[in-house]
Amino acid sequence: MDSTVKKYLAIGGTIALLGGGTYAFIQFRKKIKLKKEINATTSAATKATVKTLGINVNDIARQLGIELGTAYPSYDPRHWTENDETAEKLVLKVPKPLIPQLVKQYASIYKRNLKDDLIKLLDGWNNVSYLFN
């Protein structure tokens, strides 16, 4: 190989390596930031107020975001699909009097409206809609 070709291959490889490392670092930082935001919403006072009747509304709200795919950014493949069956079971676990608290926790964690997300993403919306009326 010509020395010029080797030089350009080395430069291209270095650029690709730096670009890939930068991308991985950014993804790692986003994941840590999401975990910190979730942990911030689960302070001791919040845990005391959200656990009622043996049902931890905060954990269910966090899990709903994961199952519906709303916990992830739009470019993440996990955002593109949802686990309807598990999400429906999670919502049905919560008694109707605690639904407003669930909606509030979901909004505080994900900055989204739970009812709108369920209408848009959940195939079994008709099975859980009575809880939101």
C-alpha atoms as a PDB file:
ATOM      1  CA  MET A   1       0.000   0.000   0.000  1.00  0.00           C
ATOM      2  CA  ASP A   2       1.052   3.520  -0.684  1.00  0.00           C
ATOM      3  CA  SER A   3       2.067   5.564   2.375  1.00  0.00           C
ATOM      4  CA  THR A   4      -0.528   8.201   1.513  1.00  0.00           C
ATOM      5  CA  VAL A   5      -3.295   5.579   1.541  1.00  0.00           C
ATOM      6  CA  LYS A   6      -2.064   4.271   4.911  1.00  0.00           C
ATOM      7  CA  LYS A   7      -2.042   7.810   6.261  1.00  0.00           C
ATOM      8  CA  TYR A   8      -5.639   8.459   5.161  1.00  0.00           C
ATOM      9  CA  LEU A   9      -6.790   5.086   6.504  1.00  0.00           C
ATOM     10  CA  ALA A  10      -5.219   5.884   9.862  1.00  0.00           C
ATOM     11  CA  ILE A  11      -6.879   9.301   9.949  1.00  0.00           C
ATOM     12  CA  GLY A  12     -10.266   7.821   8.948  1.00  0.00           C
ATOM     13  CA  GLY A  13      -9.966   5.083  11.541  1.00  0.00           C
ATOM     14  CA  THR A  14      -9.094   7.616  14.232  1.00  0.00           C
ATOM     15  CA  ILE A  15     -12.061   9.790  13.309  1.00  0.00           C
ATOM     16  CA  ALA A  16     -14.414   6.773  13.338  1.00  0.00           C
ATOM     17  CA  LEU A  17     -13.059   5.663  16.718  1.00  0.00           C
ATOM     18  CA  LEU A  18     -13.471   9.143  18.221  1.00  0.00           C
ATOM     19  CA  GLY A  19     -16.966   9.476  16.774  1.00  0.00           C
ATOM     20  CA  GLY A  20     -18.057   6.089  18.102  1.00  0.00           C
ATOM     21  CA  GLY A  21     -16.572   6.830  21.521  1.00  0.00           C
ATOM     22  CA  THR A  22     -18.297  10.196  21.670  1.00  0.00           C
ATOM     23  CA  TYR A  23     -21.624   8.627  20.725  1.00  0.00           C
ATOM     24  CA  ALA A  24     -21.245   5.921  23.398  1.00  0.00           C
ATOM     25  CA  PHE A  25     -20.314   8.539  25.997  1.00  0.00           C
ATOM     26  CA  ILE A  26     -23.366  10.667  25.180  1.00  0.00           C
ATOM     27  CA  GLN A  27     -25.662   7.630  25.419  1.00  0.00           C
ATOM     28  CA  PHE A  28     -24.122   6.678  28.763  1.00  0.00           C
ATOM     29  CA  ARG A  29     -24.622  10.204  30.124  1.00  0.00           C
ATOM     30  CA  LYS A  30     -28.262  10.263  28.984  1.00  0.00           C
ATOM     31  CA  LYS A  31     -28.900   6.958  30.749  1.00  0.00           C
ATOM     32  CA  ILE A  32     -27.347   8.282  33.969  1.00  0.00           C
ATOM     33  CA  LYS A  33     -29.372  11.497  33.707  1.00  0.00           C
ATOM     34  CA  LEU A  34     -32.621   9.521  33.303  1.00  0.00           C
ATOM     35  CA  LYS A  35     -31.779   7.400  36.361  1.00  0.00           C
ATOM     36  CA  LYS A  36     -31.013  10.540  38.405  1.00  0.00           C
ATOM     37  CA  GLU A  37     -34.310  12.136  37.397  1.00  0.00           C
ATOM     38  CA  ILE A  38     -36.220   9.000  38.332  1.00  0.00           C
ATOM     39  CA  ASN A  39     -34.408   8.752  41.661  1.00  0.00           C
ATOM     40  CA  ALA A  40     -35.073  12.427  42.361  1.00  0.00           C
ATOM     41  CA  THR A  41     -38.793  11.807  42.112  1.00  0.00           C
ATOM     42  CA  THR A  42     -38.544   8.933  44.574  1.00  0.00           C
ATOM     43  CA  SER A  43     -37.353  10.875  47.602  1.00  0.00           C
ATOM     44  CA  ALA A  44     -38.313   9.614  51.046  1.00  0.00           C
ATOM     45  CA  ALA A  45     -41.266  12.008  51.300  1.00  0.00           C
ATOM     46  CA  THR A  46     -42.539  10.966  47.889  1.00  0.00           C
ATOM     47  CA  LYS A  47     -42.234   7.279  48.748  1.00  0.00           C
ATOM     48  CA  ALA A  48     -44.281   7.845  51.878  1.00  0.00           C
ATOM     49  CA  THR A  49     -47.080   9.577  49.972  1.00  0.00           C
ATOM     50  CA  VAL A  50     -47.239   7.298  46.941  1.00  0.00           C
ATOM     51  CA  LYS A  51     -47.415   3.959  48.750  1.00  0.00           C
ATOM     52  CA  THR A  52     -51.045   3.401  49.636  1.00  0.00           C
ATOM     53  CA  LEU A  53     -52.944   0.170  50.160  1.00  0.00           C
ATOM     54  CA  GLY A  54     -49.753  -1.789  49.481  1.00  0.00           C
ATOM     55  CA  ILE A  55     -49.557  -0.348  45.957  1.00  0.00           C
ATOM     56  CA  ASN A  56     -46.505   1.713  45.091  1.00  0.00           C
ATOM     57  CA  VAL A  57     -47.920   4.139  42.542  1.00  0.00           C
ATOM     58  CA  ASN A  58     -44.476   5.567  41.774  1.00  0.00           C
ATOM     59  CA  ASP A  59     -43.070   2.177  40.746  1.00  0.00           C
ATOM     60  CA  ILE A  60     -46.128   1.454  38.616  1.00  0.00           C
ATOM     61  CA  ALA A  61     -45.860   4.864  36.911  1.00  0.00           C
ATOM     62  CA  ARG A  62     -42.164   4.288  36.182  1.00  0.00           C
ATOM     63  CA  GLN A  63     -42.852   0.779  34.854  1.00  0.00           C
ATOM     64  CA  LEU A  64     -45.721   2.051  32.677  1.00  0.00           C
ATOM     65  CA  GLY A  65     -43.319   4.451  30.977  1.00  0.00           C
ATOM     66  CA  ILE A  66     -40.970   1.575  30.245  1.00  0.00           C
ATOM     67  CA  GLU A  67     -43.730  -0.726  28.985  1.00  0.00           C
ATOM     68  CA  LEU A  68     -45.285   1.986  26.803  1.00  0.00           C
ATOM     69  CA  GLY A  69     -41.864   3.061  25.505  1.00  0.00           C
ATOM     70  CA  THR A  70     -42.297   6.661  26.662  1.00  0.00           C
ATOM     71  CA  ALA A  71     -39.355   6.386  29.065  1.00  0.00           C
ATOM     72  CA  TYR A  72     -36.968   6.411  26.121  1.00  0.00           C
ATOM     73  CA  PRO A  73     -36.106   9.083  23.541  1.00  0.00           C
ATOM     74  CA  SER A  74     -37.699   8.810  20.100  1.00  0.00           C
ATOM     75  CA  TYR A  75     -34.514   7.545  18.421  1.00  0.00           C
ATOM     76  CA  ASP A  76     -34.214   4.613  20.857  1.00  0.00           C
ATOM     77  CA  PRO A  77     -35.676   1.366  19.407  1.00  0.00           C
ATOM     78  CA  ARG A  78     -37.353   0.647  22.771  1.00  0.00           C
ATOM     79  CA  HIS A  79     -39.517   3.732  22.142  1.00  0.00           C
ATOM     80  CA  TRP A  80     -40.869   2.284  18.902  1.00  0.00           C
ATOM     81  CA  THR A  81     -42.828  -0.585  20.481  1.00  0.00           C
ATOM     82  CA  GLU A  82     -44.878  -1.139  23.590  1.00  0.00           C
ATOM     83  CA  ASN A  83     -45.824  -4.112  25.714  1.00  0.00           C
ATOM     84  CA  ASP A  84     -49.609  -3.707  25.729  1.00  0.00           C
ATOM     85  CA  GLU A  85     -50.428  -6.735  27.844  1.00  0.00           C
ATOM     86  CA  THR A  86     -48.095  -5.801  30.705  1.00  0.00           C
ATOM     87  CA  ALA A  87     -49.078  -2.126  30.589  1.00  0.00           C
ATOM     88  CA  GLU A  88     -52.761  -3.052  30.777  1.00  0.00           C
ATOM     89  CA  LYS A  89     -52.122  -5.337  33.771  1.00  0.00           C
ATOM     90  CA  LEU A  90     -50.196  -2.568  35.526  1.00  0.00           C
ATOM     91  CA  VAL A  91     -53.028  -0.074  35.094  1.00  0.00           C
ATOM     92  CA  LEU A  92     -55.610  -2.609  36.265  1.00  0.00           C
ATOM     93  CA  LYS A  93     -53.589  -3.173  39.478  1.00  0.00           C
ATOM     94  CA  VAL A  94     -54.315   0.388  40.568  1.00  0.00           C
ATOM     95  CA  PRO A  95     -57.726   1.004  42.168  1.00  0.00           C
ATOM     96  CA  LYS A  96     -59.785   3.829  40.691  1.00  0.00           C
ATOM     97  CA  PRO A  97     -59.275   6.177  43.713  1.00  0.00           C
ATOM     98  CA  LEU A  98     -55.494   6.031  43.174  1.00  0.00           C
ATOM     99  CA  ILE A  99     -55.582   6.756  39.424  1.00  0.00           C
ATOM    100  CA  PRO A 100     -55.205  10.555  39.896  1.00  0.00           C
ATOM    101  CA  GLN A 101     -52.088   9.881  41.961  1.00  0.00           C
ATOM    102  CA  LEU A 102     -50.774   7.547  39.237  1.00  0.00           C
ATOM    103  CA  VAL A 103     -51.378  10.195  36.576  1.00  0.00           C
ATOM    104  CA  LYS A 104     -49.580  12.780  38.720  1.00  0.00           C
ATOM    105  CA  GLN A 105     -46.565  10.510  39.309  1.00  0.00           C
ATOM    106  CA  TYR A 106     -46.357   9.595  35.613  1.00  0.00           C
ATOM    107  CA  ALA A 107     -46.419  13.287  34.700  1.00  0.00           C
ATOM    108  CA  SER A 108     -43.716  14.134  37.244  1.00  0.00           C
ATOM    109  CA  ILE A 109     -41.408  11.380  35.991  1.00  0.00           C
ATOM    110  CA  TYR A 110     -41.920  11.593  32.218  1.00  0.00           C
ATOM    111  CA  LYS A 111     -43.463  15.060  31.708  1.00  0.00           C
ATOM    112  CA  ARG A 112     -46.283  13.400  29.726  1.00  0.00           C
ATOM    113  CA  ASN A 113     -50.011  12.781  30.139  1.00  0.00           C
ATOM    114  CA  LEU A 114     -50.723   9.156  31.064  1.00  0.00           C
ATOM    115  CA  LYS A 115     -54.291   9.112  29.733  1.00  0.00           C
ATOM    116  CA  ASP A 116     -53.214  10.495  26.348  1.00  0.00           C
ATOM    117  CA  ASP A 117     -50.368   7.972  26.126  1.00  0.00           C
ATOM    118  CA  LEU A 118     -52.676   5.085  26.984  1.00  0.00           C
ATOM    119  CA  ILE A 119     -55.277   6.174  24.423  1.00  0.00           C
ATOM    120  CA  LYS A 120     -52.604   6.499  21.755  1.00  0.00           C
ATOM    121  CA  LEU A 121     -50.448   3.448  22.554  1.00  0.00           C
ATOM    122  CA  LEU A 122     -52.525   0.856  24.407  1.00  0.00           C
ATOM    123  CA  ASP A 123     -54.512  -1.547  22.251  1.00  0.00           C
ATOM    124  CA  GLY A 124     -56.626  -2.531  25.262  1.00  0.00           C
ATOM    125  CA  TRP A 125     -57.634   1.046  26.118  1.00  0.00           C
ATOM    126  CA  ASN A 126     -61.305   0.017  26.278  1.00  0.00           C
ATOM    127  CA  ASN A 127     -60.467  -2.373  29.130  1.00  0.00           C
ATOM    128  CA  VAL A 128     -58.976   0.383  31.315  1.00  0.00           C
ATOM    129  CA  SER A 129     -60.858   3.491  30.169  1.00  0.00           C
ATOM    130  CA  TYR A 130     -63.433   3.235  32.995  1.00  0.00           C
ATOM    131  CA  LEU A 131     -60.647   4.011  35.497  1.00  0.00           C
ATOM    132  CA  PHE A 132     -60.028   7.424  33.928  1.00  0.00           C
ATOM    133  CA  ASN A 133     -63.659   8.641  33.793  1.00  0.00           C
END
